Amino acid sequence: MQPIYTSLLLLFTSLWSLKTIAQIETITLEQLQTKTIQSENDTLYIVNFWATWCRPCVAELPYFEQAAKDNVTKKVKILLINLDFPSEKNKVIAFVTKKKLQNNVYLLNAGDPNKWIDKIDPSWDGAIPATVFYKEGKKVFFHEGDLTQVELNAKIKIHTP
């Protein structure tokens, strides 16, 4: 009996890994903007820029996971935008799998950050983590630096019915 349980465990683990791999898509800045800025609907899009090597980023990821669970019945969509190098996609996949992240994770392939960070927010100096909210095709909130769970929840509450 024991080998059957081991085989099933390995199968489920493999399927979980495949699900995670499928969730990590490499996108361009233009594709990100299409998903958020150009989405003129009443969904609140929360975009968090982070990297696996950034301690404050990693520390706040559970807050976004919890926010997704707390707002599952509301029109809230969380996008975790990873800023590791595109060549490090396997490292990001392993990280997301280990942390069991459920939000949509994207690997940004936008080239030189000095050429695109102003498009996110002119006040952003490029430090991460950084979080931006979009609603009805407009930016409604930007924050450079980490957020607490309380701060994140309060900002979501302001922008959701």
Protein backbone atom coordinates (compact mmCIF):
# COMPACT_ATOMS: atom_id res chain seq x y z
CA MET A 1 0.00 0.00 0.00
CA GLN A 2 2.78 2.44 0.88
CA PRO A 3 4.18 2.66 -2.71
CA ILE A 4 0.73 3.64 -4.01
CA TYR A 5 0.51 6.59 -1.59
CA THR A 6 4.03 7.66 -2.49
CA SER A 7 3.19 7.52 -6.19
CA LEU A 8 0.04 9.57 -5.67
CA LEU A 9 1.95 12.14 -3.64
CA LEU A 10 4.55 12.46 -6.40
CA LEU A 11 1.82 12.80 -9.01
CA PHE A 12 0.03 15.58 -7.11
CA THR A 13 3.32 17.37 -6.45
CA SER A 14 4.14 17.23 -10.15
CA LEU A 15 0.71 18.53 -11.12
CA TRP A 16 1.06 21.40 -8.60
CA SER A 17 4.44 22.32 -10.14
CA LEU A 18 2.97 22.30 -13.64
CA LYS A 19 0.15 24.58 -12.48
CA THR A 20 2.70 27.02 -11.06
CA ILE A 21 4.84 26.96 -14.19
CA ALA A 22 1.80 27.74 -16.33
CA GLN A 23 1.00 30.74 -14.11
CA ILE A 24 4.35 32.44 -14.65
CA GLU A 25 4.21 34.19 -17.97
CA THR A 26 6.88 36.53 -19.26
CA ILE A 27 5.25 39.80 -20.30
CA THR A 28 6.28 43.15 -21.70
CA LEU A 29 5.34 46.51 -20.23
CA GLU A 30 2.82 46.98 -23.03
CA GLN A 31 1.14 43.67 -22.15
CA LEU A 32 1.02 44.69 -18.49
CA GLN A 33 -0.57 47.99 -19.42
CA THR A 34 -3.16 46.15 -21.51
CA LYS A 35 -4.08 44.02 -18.48
CA THR A 36 -4.38 47.02 -16.15
CA ILE A 37 -4.39 50.56 -17.51
CA GLN A 38 -6.33 49.76 -20.65
CA SER A 39 -8.90 47.69 -18.77
CA GLU A 40 -11.68 50.19 -18.40
CA ASN A 41 -13.91 48.26 -16.04
CA ASP A 42 -14.73 48.46 -12.37
CA THR A 43 -12.19 45.82 -11.31
CA LEU A 44 -9.45 47.06 -9.01
CA TYR A 45 -6.09 45.90 -10.39
CA ILE A 46 -3.36 45.74 -7.77
CA VAL A 47 0.10 45.49 -9.32
CA ASN A 48 3.02 44.70 -7.05
CA PHE A 49 6.58 44.95 -8.38
CA TRP A 50 8.95 42.62 -6.53
CA ALA A 51 12.01 40.39 -6.88
CA THR A 52 13.13 37.15 -5.26
CA TRP A 53 16.29 38.82 -3.92
CA CYS A 54 14.43 41.73 -2.27
CA ARG A 55 13.79 41.01 1.44
CA PRO A 56 11.00 43.60 1.92
CA CYS A 57 9.35 42.31 -1.27
CA VAL A 58 9.39 38.72 -0.06
CA ALA A 59 8.17 39.78 3.39
CA GLU A 60 5.07 41.48 1.98
CA LEU A 61 4.07 38.77 -0.53
CA PRO A 62 1.90 36.98 2.07
CA TYR A 63 -0.08 40.23 2.50
CA PHE A 64 -1.06 40.14 -1.16
CA GLU A 65 -1.96 36.46 -0.86
CA GLN A 66 -4.18 37.24 2.13
CA ALA A 67 -5.70 40.25 0.37
CA ALA A 68 -6.73 38.02 -2.52
CA LYS A 69 -8.43 35.60 -0.11
CA ASP A 70 -10.12 38.43 1.80
CA ASN A 71 -11.48 39.99 -1.40
CA VAL A 72 -12.43 36.88 -3.33
CA THR A 73 -16.05 38.06 -3.70
CA LYS A 74 -15.04 41.56 -4.84
CA LYS A 75 -13.76 42.78 -8.17
CA VAL A 76 -10.11 42.76 -7.15
CA LYS A 77 -7.31 41.25 -9.21
CA ILE A 78 -3.75 41.05 -7.91
CA LEU A 79 -0.81 40.84 -10.30
CA LEU A 80 2.62 40.08 -8.88
CA ILE A 81 5.18 41.45 -11.33
CA ASN A 82 8.59 39.88 -10.81
CA LEU A 83 11.64 41.95 -11.74
CA ASP A 84 14.30 39.23 -11.71
CA PHE A 85 16.12 38.86 -15.03
CA PRO A 86 14.07 36.96 -17.65
CA SER A 87 16.96 34.48 -17.88
CA GLU A 88 16.23 33.56 -14.23
CA LYS A 89 12.70 32.32 -14.90
CA ASN A 90 13.44 28.87 -13.46
CA LYS A 91 14.62 30.51 -10.23
CA VAL A 92 11.36 32.48 -10.07
CA ILE A 93 9.32 29.34 -10.75
CA ALA A 94 11.11 27.51 -7.94
CA PHE A 95 10.54 30.47 -5.59
CA VAL A 96 6.82 30.71 -6.42
CA THR A 97 6.43 26.96 -5.99
CA LYS A 98 8.23 26.97 -2.64
CA LYS A 99 6.17 29.91 -1.36
CA LYS A 100 2.95 28.45 -2.84
CA LEU A 101 1.88 31.79 -4.29
CA GLN A 102 -1.64 31.70 -5.66
CA ASN A 103 -1.87 35.18 -7.20
CA ASN A 104 -0.99 35.66 -10.85
CA VAL A 105 2.79 35.98 -11.16
CA TYR A 106 4.35 37.53 -14.24
CA LEU A 107 8.01 37.96 -15.12
CA LEU A 108 8.52 41.42 -16.61
CA ASN A 109 10.72 41.63 -19.68
CA ALA A 110 10.81 45.38 -20.29
CA GLY A 111 14.51 46.06 -20.67
CA ASP A 112 16.24 48.99 -19.01
CA PRO A 113 14.13 50.09 -15.99
CA ASN A 114 15.29 53.68 -16.48
CA LYS A 115 13.26 53.70 -19.69
CA TRP A 116 9.97 52.40 -18.27
CA ILE A 117 9.58 53.21 -14.55
CA ASP A 118 8.32 56.74 -15.34
CA LYS A 119 5.48 55.12 -17.29
CA ILE A 120 4.35 53.42 -14.09
CA ASP A 121 4.68 56.57 -11.97
CA PRO A 122 6.88 59.65 -12.51
CA SER A 123 7.67 59.80 -8.77
CA TRP A 124 9.00 56.22 -8.70
CA ASP A 125 12.78 56.14 -8.36
CA GLY A 126 12.84 52.41 -9.15
CA ALA A 127 13.12 51.05 -5.60
CA ILE A 128 11.11 47.93 -4.84
CA PRO A 129 8.74 46.81 -3.63
CA ALA A 130 6.36 49.17 -5.35
CA THR A 131 2.60 48.85 -5.62
CA VAL A 132 0.16 50.56 -7.94
CA PHE A 133 -3.64 50.32 -8.13
CA TYR A 134 -5.60 50.82 -11.36
CA LYS A 135 -9.35 51.17 -11.67
CA GLU A 136 -11.41 52.04 -14.73
CA GLY A 137 -8.24 52.52 -16.75
CA LYS A 138 -6.74 55.04 -14.34
CA LYS A 139 -4.04 54.89 -11.70
CA VAL A 140 -5.68 55.52 -8.31
CA PHE A 141 -2.80 54.74 -5.93
CA PHE A 142 0.98 54.38 -6.02
CA HIS A 143 3.30 53.43 -3.17
CA GLU A 144 7.04 52.92 -3.28
CA GLY A 145 8.26 50.70 -0.46
CA ASP A 146 6.67 47.90 1.48
CA LEU A 147 3.14 47.90 2.83
CA THR A 148 1.79 46.30 5.97
CA GLN A 149 -1.26 44.06 5.82
CA VAL A 150 -3.28 46.81 7.53
CA GLU A 151 -2.14 49.47 5.03
CA LEU A 152 -2.86 47.22 2.05
CA ASN A 153 -6.32 46.30 3.35
CA ALA A 154 -7.15 49.97 4.02
CA LYS A 155 -6.17 51.02 0.50
CA ILE A 156 -8.18 48.18 -1.04
CA LYS A 157 -11.21 49.14 1.05
CA ILE A 158 -11.02 52.74 -0.21
CA HIS A 159 -11.16 51.56 -3.84
CA THR A 160 -13.72 48.74 -3.64
CA PRO A 161 -17.45 48.95 -2.97
